[in-house]
Amino acid sequence: MKVKIKLYGHLSELLQPTGEAEIELEKATLRELLEILDKKSEGKLLARLLNDKGELRNEYMILINGVPPLKGLEETLSDQSFIAILPQVGGGSPLESVSGSPVEDCYRL
């Protein structure tokens, strides 16, 4: 079967040059796919994604065809699956208030 993977944000540097890969493999779980990708990243991917217990760190999200996997890393992949691995994003600064009320201003966007 064939699956597509895209790493977003700072993770994209681990799959050079584009942060994307298409991999042919036999029936596999998400964890097995990550182990394959980890070899391509010289051991850097799993070090970033997983904690000491082998679980996905809270600061990352994995989606399979746009949906979080119900079985976590043990989810079985299917042919033509699209796996997106995203770091959490946060921060920024509040908008300058035009009306004097940040709540009113957010509805102006």
PDB file of N, CA and C in Angstrom:
ATOM      1  N   MET A   1       0.835  -1.171   0.000  1.00  0.00           N
ATOM      2  CA  MET A   1       0.000   0.000   0.000  1.00  0.00           C
ATOM      3  C   MET A   1       0.882   1.236   0.000  1.00  0.00           C
ATOM      4  N   LYS A   2       0.302   2.369  -0.359  1.00  0.00           N
ATOM      5  CA  LYS A   2       1.041   3.618  -0.441  1.00  0.00           C
ATOM      6  C   LYS A   2       0.367   4.637   0.485  1.00  0.00           C
ATOM      7  N   VAL A   3       1.195   5.349   1.278  1.00  0.00           N
ATOM      8  CA  VAL A   3       0.682   6.411   2.139  1.00  0.00           C
ATOM      9  C   VAL A   3       1.496   7.683   1.890  1.00  0.00           C
ATOM     10  N   LYS A   4       0.854   8.814   2.129  1.00  0.00           N
ATOM     11  CA  LYS A   4       1.517  10.107   1.994  1.00  0.00           C
ATOM     12  C   LYS A   4       1.636  10.725   3.376  1.00  0.00           C
ATOM     13  N   ILE A   5       2.764  11.376   3.616  1.00  0.00           N
ATOM     14  CA  ILE A   5       3.037  11.996   4.903  1.00  0.00           C
ATOM     15  C   ILE A   5       3.467  13.430   4.656  1.00  0.00           C
ATOM     16  N   LYS A   6       2.967  14.328   5.499  1.00  0.00           N
ATOM     17  CA  LYS A   6       3.425  15.716   5.460  1.00  0.00           C
ATOM     18  C   LYS A   6       3.704  16.163   6.881  1.00  0.00           C
ATOM     19  N   LEU A   7       4.916  16.678   7.078  1.00  0.00           N
ATOM     20  CA  LEU A   7       5.312  17.250   8.356  1.00  0.00           C
ATOM     21  C   LEU A   7       5.194  18.762   8.242  1.00  0.00           C
ATOM     22  N   TYR A   8       4.594  19.384   9.218  1.00  0.00           N
ATOM     23  CA  TYR A   8       4.369  20.825   9.190  1.00  0.00           C
ATOM     24  C   TYR A   8       5.269  21.547  10.186  1.00  0.00           C
ATOM     25  N   GLY A   9       5.396  22.855   9.985  1.00  0.00           N
ATOM     26  CA  GLY A   9       6.164  23.693  10.900  1.00  0.00           C
ATOM     27  C   GLY A   9       7.613  23.267  10.962  1.00  0.00           C
ATOM     28  N   HIS A  10       8.188  23.367  12.160  1.00  0.00           N
ATOM     29  CA  HIS A  10       9.609  23.042  12.329  1.00  0.00           C
ATOM     30  C   HIS A  10       9.917  21.565  12.079  1.00  0.00           C
ATOM     31  N   LEU A  11       8.904  20.717  12.065  1.00  0.00           N
ATOM     32  CA  LEU A  11       9.138  19.289  11.794  1.00  0.00           C
ATOM     33  C   LEU A  11       9.499  19.036  10.333  1.00  0.00           C
ATOM     34  N   SER A  12       9.089  19.937   9.445  1.00  0.00           N
ATOM     35  CA  SER A  12       9.296  19.697   8.007  1.00  0.00           C
ATOM     36  C   SER A  12      10.772  19.537   7.648  1.00  0.00           C
ATOM     37  N   GLU A  13      11.661  20.112   8.441  1.00  0.00           N
ATOM     38  CA  GLU A  13      13.098  19.984   8.161  1.00  0.00           C
ATOM     39  C   GLU A  13      13.590  18.544   8.289  1.00  0.00           C
ATOM     40  N   LEU A  14      12.803  17.683   8.919  1.00  0.00           N
ATOM     41  CA  LEU A  14      13.213  16.295   9.118  1.00  0.00           C
ATOM     42  C   LEU A  14      12.985  15.417   7.887  1.00  0.00           C
ATOM     43  N   LEU A  15      12.178  15.889   6.943  1.00  0.00           N
ATOM     44  CA  LEU A  15      11.969  15.166   5.677  1.00  0.00           C
ATOM     45  C   LEU A  15      12.366  16.105   4.546  1.00  0.00           C
ATOM     46  N   GLN A  16      13.641  16.127   4.248  1.00  0.00           N
ATOM     47  CA  GLN A  16      14.145  17.053   3.236  1.00  0.00           C
ATOM     48  C   GLN A  16      13.791  16.570   1.843  1.00  0.00           C
ATOM     49  N   PRO A  17      13.557  17.433   0.883  1.00  0.00           N
ATOM     50  CA  PRO A  17      13.639  18.880   1.005  1.00  0.00           C
ATOM     51  C   PRO A  17      12.300  19.559   1.297  1.00  0.00           C
ATOM     52  N   THR A  18      11.173  18.837   1.206  1.00  0.00           N
ATOM     53  CA  THR A  18       9.858  19.502   1.244  1.00  0.00           C
ATOM     54  C   THR A  18       9.037  19.228   2.495  1.00  0.00           C
ATOM     55  N   GLY A  19       9.492  18.327   3.347  1.00  0.00           N
ATOM     56  CA  GLY A  19       8.670  17.954   4.503  1.00  0.00           C
ATOM     57  C   GLY A  19       7.603  16.938   4.159  1.00  0.00           C
ATOM     58  N   GLU A  20       7.679  16.392   2.953  1.00  0.00           N
ATOM     59  CA  GLU A  20       6.676  15.430   2.484  1.00  0.00           C
ATOM     60  C   GLU A  20       7.355  14.142   2.032  1.00  0.00           C
ATOM     61  N   ALA A  21       6.595  13.054   2.100  1.00  0.00           N
ATOM     62  CA  ALA A  21       7.096  11.767   1.603  1.00  0.00           C
ATOM     63  C   ALA A  21       5.918  10.906   1.178  1.00  0.00           C
ATOM     64  N   GLU A  22       6.193  10.026   0.259  1.00  0.00           N
ATOM     65  CA  GLU A  22       5.217   9.020  -0.149  1.00  0.00           C
ATOM     66  C   GLU A  22       5.924   7.686   0.025  1.00  0.00           C
ATOM     67  N   ILE A  23       5.323   6.802   0.805  1.00  0.00           N
ATOM     68  CA  ILE A  23       6.007   5.561   1.171  1.00  0.00           C
ATOM     69  C   ILE A  23       5.142   4.366   0.818  1.00  0.00           C
ATOM     70  N   GLU A  24       5.781   3.375   0.226  1.00  0.00           N
ATOM     71  CA  GLU A  24       5.149   2.082  -0.052  1.00  0.00           C
ATOM     72  C   GLU A  24       5.483   1.155   1.104  1.00  0.00           C
ATOM     73  N   LEU A  25       4.480   0.510   1.670  1.00  0.00           N
ATOM     74  CA  LEU A  25       4.728  -0.435   2.743  1.00  0.00           C
ATOM     75  C   LEU A  25       3.620  -1.469   2.792  1.00  0.00           C
ATOM     76  N   GLU A  26       3.925  -2.544   3.492  1.00  0.00           N
ATOM     77  CA  GLU A  26       2.919  -3.568   3.737  1.00  0.00           C
ATOM     78  C   GLU A  26       1.973  -3.024   4.805  1.00  0.00           C
ATOM     79  N   LYS A  27       0.970  -3.783   5.140  1.00  0.00           N
ATOM     80  CA  LYS A  27       0.045  -3.370   6.201  1.00  0.00           C
ATOM     81  C   LYS A  27       0.859  -2.915   7.411  1.00  0.00           C
ATOM     82  N   ALA A  28       0.542  -1.715   7.927  1.00  0.00           N
ATOM     83  CA  ALA A  28       1.344  -1.162   9.012  1.00  0.00           C
ATOM     84  C   ALA A  28       0.494  -0.281   9.915  1.00  0.00           C
ATOM     85  N   THR A  29       0.996  -0.099  11.129  1.00  0.00           N
ATOM     86  CA  THR A  29       0.360   0.828  12.058  1.00  0.00           C
ATOM     87  C   THR A  29       1.041   2.194  11.921  1.00  0.00           C
ATOM     88  N   LEU A  30       0.433   3.179  12.522  1.00  0.00           N
ATOM     89  CA  LEU A  30       1.016   4.510  12.539  1.00  0.00           C
ATOM     90  C   LEU A  30       2.392   4.484  13.201  1.00  0.00           C
ATOM     91  N   ARG A  31       2.526   3.737  14.285  1.00  0.00           N
ATOM     92  CA  ARG A  31       3.819   3.634  14.967  1.00  0.00           C
ATOM     93  C   ARG A  31       4.888   3.051  14.031  1.00  0.00           C
ATOM     94  N   GLU A  32       4.540   2.014  13.277  1.00  0.00           N
ATOM     95  CA  GLU A  32       5.502   1.401  12.356  1.00  0.00           C
ATOM     96  C   GLU A  32       5.922   2.389  11.260  1.00  0.00           C
ATOM     97  N   LEU A  33       4.972   3.175  10.778  1.00  0.00           N
ATOM     98  CA  LEU A  33       5.304   4.197   9.792  1.00  0.00           C
ATOM     99  C   LEU A  33       6.256   5.230  10.396  1.00  0.00           C
ATOM    100  N   LEU A  34       5.982   5.661  11.623  1.00  0.00           N
ATOM    101  CA  LEU A  34       6.862   6.628  12.276  1.00  0.00           C
ATOM    102  C   LEU A  34       8.271   6.070  12.456  1.00  0.00           C
ATOM    103  N   GLU A  35       8.383   4.779  12.718  1.00  0.00           N
ATOM    104  CA  GLU A  35       9.703   4.154  12.853  1.00  0.00           C
ATOM    105  C   GLU A  35      10.464   4.188  11.525  1.00  0.00           C
ATOM    106  N   ILE A  36       9.748   3.995  10.412  1.00  0.00           N
ATOM    107  CA  ILE A  36      10.366   4.084   9.085  1.00  0.00           C
ATOM    108  C   ILE A  36      10.842   5.516   8.831  1.00  0.00           C
ATOM    109  N   LEU A  37       9.990   6.483   9.140  1.00  0.00           N
ATOM    110  CA  LEU A  37      10.344   7.892   8.948  1.00  0.00           C
ATOM    111  C   LEU A  37      11.495   8.300   9.865  1.00  0.00           C
ATOM    112  N   ASP A  38      11.539   7.705  11.052  1.00  0.00           N
ATOM    113  CA  ASP A  38      12.606   8.017  11.995  1.00  0.00           C
ATOM    114  C   ASP A  38      13.967   7.634  11.415  1.00  0.00           C
ATOM    115  N   LYS A  39      14.021   6.513  10.711  1.00  0.00           N
ATOM    116  CA  LYS A  39      15.279   6.103  10.076  1.00  0.00           C
ATOM    117  C   LYS A  39      15.691   7.113   9.005  1.00  0.00           C
ATOM    118  N   LYS A  40      14.710   7.638   8.257  1.00  0.00           N
ATOM    119  CA  LYS A  40      15.011   8.631   7.225  1.00  0.00           C
ATOM    120  C   LYS A  40      15.504   9.942   7.829  1.00  0.00           C
ATOM    121  N   SER A  41      15.086  10.214   9.071  1.00  0.00           N
ATOM    122  CA  SER A  41      15.487  11.459   9.737  1.00  0.00           C
ATOM    123  C   SER A  41      16.681  11.248  10.668  1.00  0.00           C
ATOM    124  N   GLU A  42      17.332  10.117  10.534  1.00  0.00           N
ATOM    125  CA  GLU A  42      18.512   9.772  11.349  1.00  0.00           C
ATOM    126  C   GLU A  42      18.207   9.797  12.853  1.00  0.00           C
ATOM    127  N   GLY A  43      17.015   9.299  13.202  1.00  0.00           N
ATOM    128  CA  GLY A  43      16.648   9.173  14.612  1.00  0.00           C
ATOM    129  C   GLY A  43      16.112  10.432  15.262  1.00  0.00           C
ATOM    130  N   LYS A  44      15.890  11.472  14.479  1.00  0.00           N
ATOM    131  CA  LYS A  44      15.448  12.745  15.057  1.00  0.00           C
ATOM    132  C   LYS A  44      13.937  12.857  15.221  1.00  0.00           C
ATOM    133  N   LEU A  45      13.167  12.189  14.369  1.00  0.00           N
ATOM    134  CA  LEU A  45      11.706  12.356  14.401  1.00  0.00           C
ATOM    135  C   LEU A  45      11.095  11.833  15.696  1.00  0.00           C
ATOM    136  N   LEU A  46      11.362  10.578  16.032  1.00  0.00           N
ATOM    137  CA  LEU A  46      10.757  10.011  17.235  1.00  0.00           C
ATOM    138  C   LEU A  46      11.255  10.702  18.497  1.00  0.00           C
ATOM    139  N   ALA A  47      12.493  11.172  18.484  1.00  0.00           N
ATOM    140  CA  ALA A  47      13.014  11.900  19.642  1.00  0.00           C
ATOM    141  C   ALA A  47      12.192  13.154  19.902  1.00  0.00           C
ATOM    142  N   ARG A  48      11.699  13.774  18.843  1.00  0.00           N
ATOM    143  CA  ARG A  48      10.869  14.976  19.006  1.00  0.00           C
ATOM    144  C   ARG A  48       9.415  14.637  19.331  1.00  0.00           C
ATOM    145  N   LEU A  49       8.879  13.606  18.673  1.00  0.00           N
ATOM    146  CA  LEU A  49       7.446  13.324  18.782  1.00  0.00           C
ATOM    147  C   LEU A  49       7.037  12.567  20.038  1.00  0.00           C
ATOM    148  N   LEU A  50       7.881  11.637  20.494  1.00  0.00           N
ATOM    149  CA  LEU A  50       7.468  10.732  21.565  1.00  0.00           C
ATOM    150  C   LEU A  50       8.147  11.060  22.884  1.00  0.00           C
ATOM    151  N   ASN A  51       7.412  10.809  23.975  1.00  0.00           N
ATOM    152  CA  ASN A  51       7.991  10.991  25.310  1.00  0.00           C
ATOM    153  C   ASN A  51       8.723   9.722  25.736  1.00  0.00           C
ATOM    154  N   ASP A  52       9.194   9.691  26.976  1.00  0.00           N
ATOM    155  CA  ASP A  52       9.961   8.536  27.484  1.00  0.00           C
ATOM    156  C   ASP A  52       9.145   7.246  27.522  1.00  0.00           C
ATOM    157  N   LYS A  53       7.825   7.370  27.551  1.00  0.00           N
ATOM    158  CA  LYS A  53       6.943   6.198  27.586  1.00  0.00           C
ATOM    159  C   LYS A  53       6.566   5.715  26.182  1.00  0.00           C
ATOM    160  N   GLY A  54       7.083   6.395  25.153  1.00  0.00           N
ATOM    161  CA  GLY A  54       6.759   6.019  23.780  1.00  0.00           C
ATOM    162  C   GLY A  54       5.416   6.544  23.317  1.00  0.00           C
ATOM    163  N   GLU A  55       4.880   7.532  24.031  1.00  0.00           N
ATOM    164  CA  GLU A  55       3.587   8.125  23.676  1.00  0.00           C
ATOM    165  C   GLU A  55       3.819   9.466  22.986  1.00  0.00           C
ATOM    166  N   LEU A  56       2.861   9.865  22.172  1.00  0.00           N
ATOM    167  CA  LEU A  56       2.944  11.147  21.483  1.00  0.00           C
ATOM    168  C   LEU A  56       2.938  12.282  22.497  1.00  0.00           C
ATOM    169  N   ARG A  57       3.892  13.188  22.358  1.00  0.00           N
ATOM    170  CA  ARG A  57       3.950  14.353  23.252  1.00  0.00           C
ATOM    171  C   ARG A  57       2.725  15.243  23.017  1.00  0.00           C
ATOM    172  N   ASN A  58       2.304  15.937  24.055  1.00  0.00           N
ATOM    173  CA  ASN A  58       1.124  16.805  23.974  1.00  0.00           C
ATOM    174  C   ASN A  58       1.270  17.929  22.963  1.00  0.00           C
ATOM    175  N   GLU A  59       2.488  18.323  22.659  1.00  0.00           N
ATOM    176  CA  GLU A  59       2.663  19.457  21.764  1.00  0.00           C
ATOM    177  C   GLU A  59       2.579  19.109  20.275  1.00  0.00           C
ATOM    178  N   TYR A  60       2.230  17.869  19.971  1.00  0.00           N
ATOM    179  CA  TYR A  60       2.073  17.454  18.570  1.00  0.00           C
ATOM    180  C   TYR A  60       0.709  16.809  18.341  1.00  0.00           C
ATOM    181  N   MET A  61       0.248  16.921  17.096  1.00  0.00           N
ATOM    182  CA  MET A  61      -1.005  16.284  16.699  1.00  0.00           C
ATOM    183  C   MET A  61      -0.761  15.508  15.414  1.00  0.00           C
ATOM    184  N   ILE A  62      -1.311  14.317  15.350  1.00  0.00           N
ATOM    185  CA  ILE A  62      -1.238  13.516  14.131  1.00  0.00           C
ATOM    186  C   ILE A  62      -2.664  13.302  13.640  1.00  0.00           C
ATOM    187  N   LEU A  63      -2.858  13.527  12.359  1.00  0.00           N
ATOM    188  CA  LEU A  63      -4.156  13.300  11.724  1.00  0.00           C
ATOM    189  C   LEU A  63      -3.984  12.295  10.597  1.00  0.00           C
ATOM    190  N   ILE A  64      -4.946  11.397  10.486  1.00  0.00           N
ATOM    191  CA  ILE A  64      -4.988  10.460   9.362  1.00  0.00           C
ATOM    192  C   ILE A  64      -6.227  10.814   8.562  1.00  0.00           C
ATOM    193  N   ASN A  65      -6.009  11.253   7.348  1.00  0.00           N
ATOM    194  CA  ASN A  65      -7.106  11.718   6.494  1.00  0.00           C
ATOM    195  C   ASN A  65      -7.942  12.774   7.206  1.00  0.00           C
ATOM    196  N   GLY A  66      -7.261  13.661   7.943  1.00  0.00           N
ATOM    197  CA  GLY A  66      -7.922  14.774   8.604  1.00  0.00           C
ATOM    198  C   GLY A  66      -8.561  14.476   9.941  1.00  0.00           C
ATOM    199  N   VAL A  67      -8.377  13.261  10.448  1.00  0.00           N
ATOM    200  CA  VAL A  67      -9.034  12.847  11.689  1.00  0.00           C
ATOM    201  C   VAL A  67      -7.994  12.282  12.663  1.00  0.00           C
ATOM    202  N   PRO A  68      -8.068  12.655  13.949  1.00  0.00           N
ATOM    203  CA  PRO A  68      -7.150  12.051  14.921  1.00  0.00           C
ATOM    204  C   PRO A  68      -7.386  10.533  14.988  1.00  0.00           C
ATOM    205  N   PRO A  69      -6.323   9.734  15.055  1.00  0.00           N
ATOM    206  CA  PRO A  69      -6.485   8.274  15.091  1.00  0.00           C
ATOM    207  C   PRO A  69      -7.121   7.813  16.401  1.00  0.00           C
ATOM    208  N   LEU A  70      -8.165   7.000  16.298  1.00  0.00           N
ATOM    209  CA  LEU A  70      -8.883   6.508  17.474  1.00  0.00           C
ATOM    210  C   LEU A  70      -8.017   5.598  18.338  1.00  0.00           C
ATOM    211  N   LYS A  71      -7.141   4.833  17.697  1.00  0.00           N
ATOM    212  CA  LYS A  71      -6.291   3.893  18.433  1.00  0.00           C
ATOM    213  C   LYS A  71      -4.897   4.456  18.682  1.00  0.00           C
ATOM    214  N   GLY A  72      -4.736   5.762  18.529  1.00  0.00           N
ATOM    215  CA  GLY A  72      -3.435   6.376  18.741  1.00  0.00           C
ATOM    216  C   GLY A  72      -2.405   5.842  17.765  1.00  0.00           C
ATOM    217  N   LEU A  73      -1.218   5.584  18.257  1.00  0.00           N
ATOM    218  CA  LEU A  73      -0.132   5.119  17.398  1.00  0.00           C
ATOM    219  C   LEU A  73      -0.323   3.689  16.903  1.00  0.00           C
ATOM    220  N   GLU A  74      -1.280   2.988  17.479  1.00  0.00           N
ATOM    221  CA  GLU A  74      -1.543   1.606  17.052  1.00  0.00           C
ATOM    222  C   GLU A  74      -2.609   1.531  15.950  1.00  0.00           C
ATOM    223  N   GLU A  75      -3.047   2.677  15.467  1.00  0.00           N
ATOM    224  CA  GLU A  75      -4.027   2.731  14.370  1.00  0.00           C
ATOM    225  C   GLU A  75      -3.437   2.082  13.123  1.00  0.00           C
ATOM    226  N   THR A  76      -4.198   1.198  12.495  1.00  0.00           N
ATOM    227  CA  THR A  76      -3.764   0.550  11.258  1.00  0.00           C
ATOM    228  C   THR A  76      -4.014   1.497  10.091  1.00  0.00           C
ATOM    229  N   LEU A  77      -3.013   1.669   9.265  1.00  0.00           N
ATOM    230  CA  LEU A  77      -3.128   2.538   8.102  1.00  0.00           C
ATOM    231  C   LEU A  77      -3.748   1.782   6.940  1.00  0.00           C
ATOM    232  N   SER A  78      -4.362   2.519   6.037  1.00  0.00           N
ATOM    233  CA  SER A  78      -4.920   1.902   4.838  1.00  0.00           C
ATOM    234  C   SER A  78      -4.302   2.556   3.606  1.00  0.00           C
ATOM    235  N   ASP A  79      -4.493   1.916   2.471  1.00  0.00           N
ATOM    236  CA  ASP A  79      -3.937   2.415   1.223  1.00  0.00           C
ATOM    237  C   ASP A  79      -4.428   3.834   0.958  1.00  0.00           C
ATOM    238  N   GLN A  80      -3.537   4.676   0.498  1.00  0.00           N
ATOM    239  CA  GLN A  80      -3.803   6.067   0.149  1.00  0.00           C
ATOM    240  C   GLN A  80      -4.104   6.971   1.351  1.00  0.00           C
ATOM    241  N   SER A  81      -3.737   6.519   2.549  1.00  0.00           N
ATOM    242  CA  SER A  81      -3.905   7.375   3.723  1.00  0.00           C
ATOM    243  C   SER A  81      -3.004   8.596   3.596  1.00  0.00           C
ATOM    244  N   PHE A  82      -3.491   9.727   4.115  1.00  0.00           N
ATOM    245  CA  PHE A  82      -2.693  10.944   4.198  1.00  0.00           C
ATOM    246  C   PHE A  82      -2.472  11.248   5.665  1.00  0.00           C
ATOM    247  N   ILE A  83      -1.215  11.256   6.083  1.00  0.00           N
ATOM    248  CA  ILE A  83      -0.861  11.476   7.480  1.00  0.00           C
ATOM    249  C   ILE A  83      -0.238  12.857   7.606  1.00  0.00           C
ATOM    250  N   ALA A  84      -0.832  13.679   8.449  1.00  0.00           N
ATOM    251  CA  ALA A  84      -0.303  15.017   8.718  1.00  0.00           C
ATOM    252  C   ALA A  84       0.192  15.041  10.155  1.00  0.00           C
ATOM    253  N   ILE A  85       1.402  15.547  10.352  1.00  0.00           N
ATOM    254  CA  ILE A  85       1.980  15.659  11.689  1.00  0.00           C
ATOM    255  C   ILE A  85       2.261  17.138  11.930  1.00  0.00           C
ATOM    256  N   LEU A  86       1.558  17.682  12.939  1.00  0.00           N
ATOM    257  CA  LEU A  86       1.602  19.120  13.182  1.00  0.00           C
ATOM    258  C   LEU A  86       2.053  19.455  14.589  1.00  0.00           C
ATOM    259  N   PRO A  87       2.923  20.459  14.715  1.00  0.00           N
ATOM    260  CA  PRO A  87       3.225  20.969  16.050  1.00  0.00           C
ATOM    261  C   PRO A  87       2.114  21.928  16.457  1.00  0.00           C
ATOM    262  N   GLN A  88       1.883  22.059  17.757  1.00  0.00           N
ATOM    263  CA  GLN A  88       0.918  23.044  18.208  1.00  0.00           C
ATOM    264  C   GLN A  88       1.456  24.426  17.908  1.00  0.00           C
ATOM    265  N   VAL A  89       0.554  25.322  17.625  1.00  0.00           N
ATOM    266  CA  VAL A  89       0.925  26.688  17.329  1.00  0.00           C
ATOM    267  C   VAL A  89       0.194  27.595  18.308  1.00  0.00           C
ATOM    268  N   GLY A  90       0.883  28.567  18.803  1.00  0.00           N
ATOM    269  CA  GLY A  90       0.245  29.505  19.710  1.00  0.00           C
ATOM    270  C   GLY A  90       1.016  30.799  19.722  1.00  0.00           C
ATOM    271  N   GLY A  91       0.514  31.714  20.494  1.00  0.00           N
ATOM    272  CA  GLY A  91       1.217  32.974  20.644  1.00  0.00           C
ATOM    273  C   GLY A  91       0.629  34.049  19.785  1.00  0.00           C
ATOM    274  N   GLY A  92       1.430  35.010  19.475  1.00  0.00           N
ATOM    275  CA  GLY A  92       0.968  36.166  18.741  1.00  0.00           C
ATOM    276  C   GLY A  92       0.684  37.287  19.714  1.00  0.00           C
ATOM    277  N   SER A  93       0.259  38.389  19.188  1.00  0.00           N
ATOM    278  CA  SER A  93      -0.065  39.507  20.062  1.00  0.00           C
ATOM    279  C   SER A  93      -1.489  39.944  19.788  1.00  0.00           C
ATOM    280  N   PRO A  94      -2.135  40.497  20.781  1.00  0.00           N
ATOM    281  CA  PRO A  94      -3.521  40.932  20.574  1.00  0.00           C
ATOM    282  C   PRO A  94      -3.578  42.076  19.571  1.00  0.00           C
ATOM    283  N   LEU A  95      -4.685  42.148  18.859  1.00  0.00           N
ATOM    284  CA  LEU A  95      -4.891  43.243  17.917  1.00  0.00           C
ATOM    285  C   LEU A  95      -5.045  44.542  18.693  1.00  0.00           C
ATOM    286  N   GLU A  96      -4.600  45.617  18.078  1.00  0.00           N
ATOM    287  CA  GLU A  96      -4.855  46.909  18.683  1.00  0.00           C
ATOM    288  C   GLU A  96      -6.335  47.185  18.554  1.00  0.00           C
ATOM    289  N   SER A  97      -6.937  47.619  19.611  1.00  0.00           N
ATOM    290  CA  SER A  97      -8.369  47.856  19.617  1.00  0.00           C
ATOM    291  C   SER A  97      -8.719  49.110  18.828  1.00  0.00           C
ATOM    292  N   VAL A  98      -9.648  48.958  17.898  1.00  0.00           N
ATOM    293  CA  VAL A  98     -10.123  50.091  17.120  1.00  0.00           C
ATOM    294  C   VAL A  98     -11.256  50.785  17.865  1.00  0.00           C
ATOM    295  N   SER A  99     -12.146  49.994  18.441  1.00  0.00           N
ATOM    296  CA  SER A  99     -13.332  50.547  19.093  1.00  0.00           C
ATOM    297  C   SER A  99     -13.139  50.752  20.583  1.00  0.00           C
ATOM    298  N   GLY A 100     -12.039  50.244  21.113  1.00  0.00           N
ATOM    299  CA  GLY A 100     -11.858  50.289  22.561  1.00  0.00           C
ATOM    300  C   GLY A 100     -12.296  48.994  23.219  1.00  0.00           C
ATOM    301  N   SER A 101     -12.934  48.103  22.460  1.00  0.00           N
ATOM    302  CA  SER A 101     -13.398  46.825  22.976  1.00  0.00           C
ATOM    303  C   SER A 101     -12.829  45.691  22.135  1.00  0.00           C
ATOM    304  N   PRO A 102     -11.896  44.871  22.691  1.00  0.00           N
ATOM    305  CA  PRO A 102     -11.339  43.760  21.915  1.00  0.00           C
ATOM    306  C   PRO A 102     -12.405  42.792  21.420  1.00  0.00           C
ATOM    307  N   VAL A 103     -13.494  42.615  22.197  1.00  0.00           N
ATOM    308  CA  VAL A 103     -14.559  41.705  21.777  1.00  0.00           C
ATOM    309  C   VAL A 103     -15.249  42.238  20.536  1.00  0.00           C
ATOM    310  N   GLU A 104     -15.572  43.520  20.501  1.00  0.00           N
ATOM    311  CA  GLU A 104     -16.204  44.113  19.319  1.00  0.00           C
ATOM    312  C   GLU A 104     -15.275  44.018  18.128  1.00  0.00           C
ATOM    313  N   ASP A 105     -13.993  44.289  18.339  1.00  0.00           N
ATOM    314  CA  ASP A 105     -13.039  44.289  17.232  1.00  0.00           C
ATOM    315  C   ASP A 105     -12.912  42.919  16.579  1.00  0.00           C
ATOM    316  N   CYS A 106     -13.003  41.835  17.356  1.00  0.00           N
ATOM    317  CA  CYS A 106     -12.826  40.511  16.756  1.00  0.00           C
ATOM    318  C   CYS A 106     -13.934  40.202  15.764  1.00  0.00           C
ATOM    319  N   TYR A 107     -15.102  40.822  15.911  1.00  0.00           N
ATOM    320  CA  TYR A 107     -16.176  40.594  14.960  1.00  0.00           C
ATOM    321  C   TYR A 107     -16.035  41.450  13.711  1.00  0.00           C
ATOM    322  N   ARG A 108     -15.102  42.373  13.710  1.00  0.00           N
ATOM    323  CA  ARG A 108     -14.865  43.218  12.544  1.00  0.00           C
ATOM    324  C   ARG A 108     -13.989  42.527  11.517  1.00  0.00           C
ATOM    325  N   LEU A 109     -13.276  41.482  11.907  1.00  0.00           N
ATOM    326  CA  LEU A 109     -12.312  40.823  11.014  1.00  0.00           C
ATOM    327  C   LEU A 109     -12.962  40.200   9.838  1.00  0.00           C
TER     328      LEU A 109
END
